[in-house]
Amino acid sequence: MDPTLCPWDESVVFSSDRCPGGEEGYRNLFRLDLETGEISYLTQGRWIDSAPVWDPDTRGIYFTSDRDRFSAVYWVDGRGEGRRLTHSLDGLFDPRPVPGEDAFLATVFREGTFQVHRFAVPDSSGPAIALQPATAEPPWHWNDTHPEVASRRQSYRTRFALDVAQGGALVDPSLRTGEGVQAVLSDLMGNHLLYFNLANSTFSTDSFLRNFSFAGTYVNLTRRLNYGLSAFHYSGDFYDNLAFPYFEQRSGASVLLSYPLSKFRRIETSLSLAYAETDRPSIDFRRKGAIGTHLVSYVQDNTLWLPTGPIDGRRFNLTAGLTMNLGQGKEENTVLIGDYRHYFRIGQYSAYALRFQGRWSEGANPEFFWIGGSAGMRTYDRRQISGKRTLMLNQEVRFPLIRGLIFGLPMGNLELPGVEGAWFLDAGSAWDEGWPPPWYGSYGFGLRMSFGGVLVMRLDIGRQTDFEKLGSDTHTRFFIGWDY
């Protein structure tokens, strides 16, 4: 286990249970000479030595051992002679030397979490520790009590199994929003995915069947260029930003492509062809015929998450979309969306979260965006602020309030997750034409509680402002979902 190649000669150091006591779980360090194939002891004893790593500066080996009941860091040279470097009650793991310095890094288990700490190498004038006895015991051997089992090679066959089924929301820059049920299936390797969506956007029972929508998507992740194929049928009655009802229906197929530039950056594009029917009396737009929608996105994401949402890193998404009426050869809708989020770590569980979002739409059948609600401008209703152009700035200071709650009950302990707090300040605007637009603001305090990282409950309490005077009414919003 844990093999590490020597940088200056042909040898490998590794941890193995081929030592006395190995059948009981003990492991020692060994050195393999790659030229002769000879294996020799570096350490020997009834303890667990692990995670060896060479140090080019001292030409020695750092490793961890539990020979004194606690996992500590040790150092030995190529002959197995060395000393103990740490005397801590915390468990230390995976030491790494700091180049050019008398120091090393190690993982420390402290207060229920894993942390990375820097340690100075102590003075070497102290007494040395004998890490290997003068006479080595012979290694133990497995007792082969099981007969050989005949095996044969088989080609891998893709078989899908259900991963998750849940309620969800579908949002497309050239469509509207809708709620429904989503099921996800994948194969054993996770290279093939199937998504199924079923939704209904009816506002009355007499149009229930007409407002059914469904979609199926296959995604292939076997190569660097990921691709997907989708077939869909969207149909329903919707309300625009002025609360006027309209009907829209689309049936067609899409091709999806995603190319990762690095671990944290990728380019995505999709092309959709569909037959669409739309009747929007409020803007005097009616259409029956074939349309095409092309979307291109650049995505960057290196965020670190807590159970309630991101706490470190940044996210960026820039999307441009165009919808064309193929029968008439005319542009129907152009969309540009930019979303930038940055999370500045204040403490281990605290952060200042910043989000700036801008959206723009133009054309005969434009998209109207809403920025109200718990996912945007808190303290405002979801449809209260809308327009073809929107700007929004969200700021939030996130911090832990309660690490956990345990209630001792007669039948046993009842454990509840921790509670996180947040001070927030939002500013946003939505308009159709002209400049400058009206600006809206909200400020207040929020609570978040995560149940297993899957269900996050959020409660926001705050007031509104137009940046000239502060509102006197207090608004409360409850939402289920992760922090932005």
Foldseek 3Di string as FASTA:
>chain_A
DQWEAQPPAQKIKAKDLQAVCSVVPAIFIWMARPVPRDIDGLFHDRWHKHQWYADVVVQWIWIWICPVVATFIWIDHPNNWTATFDDDPWHWHNWADDPPFQKIWTWTCDPNDTDIDIGGGDDPPDDIDRRHDPDGDHTDDDDPPDDDDDDDDDDDDWDKDWDDKDKDWDDDQVDHIWIFIKTWIGGPVRQKIKIKTWTFDEPDPVCGVQQIKIKMKIWGRPDQKIKMKMWIWGWYWDAALVRDIWIKIKTWMKIKIWHAPDPFKIKIKMKIKIFMFIDDVVLRDTDTAIKMKIKIKIKGDDFDADLQGTAADKIKMWMWMWMARVVVRGTAKIKIKIKIKGWAHPDPFKTKIKIKIKMAMDGSHTHKAFQDAPQHAPLDDRSPAIARIKIKMKIKIKDWDFQWDWDQDPVGIDIFGTKMKMWMKMKMHHYYDDDDTQMKIKTFMKMWGGDVSPKIKMKTKIWIDSVPDTDDDIGIHIDIDHHD
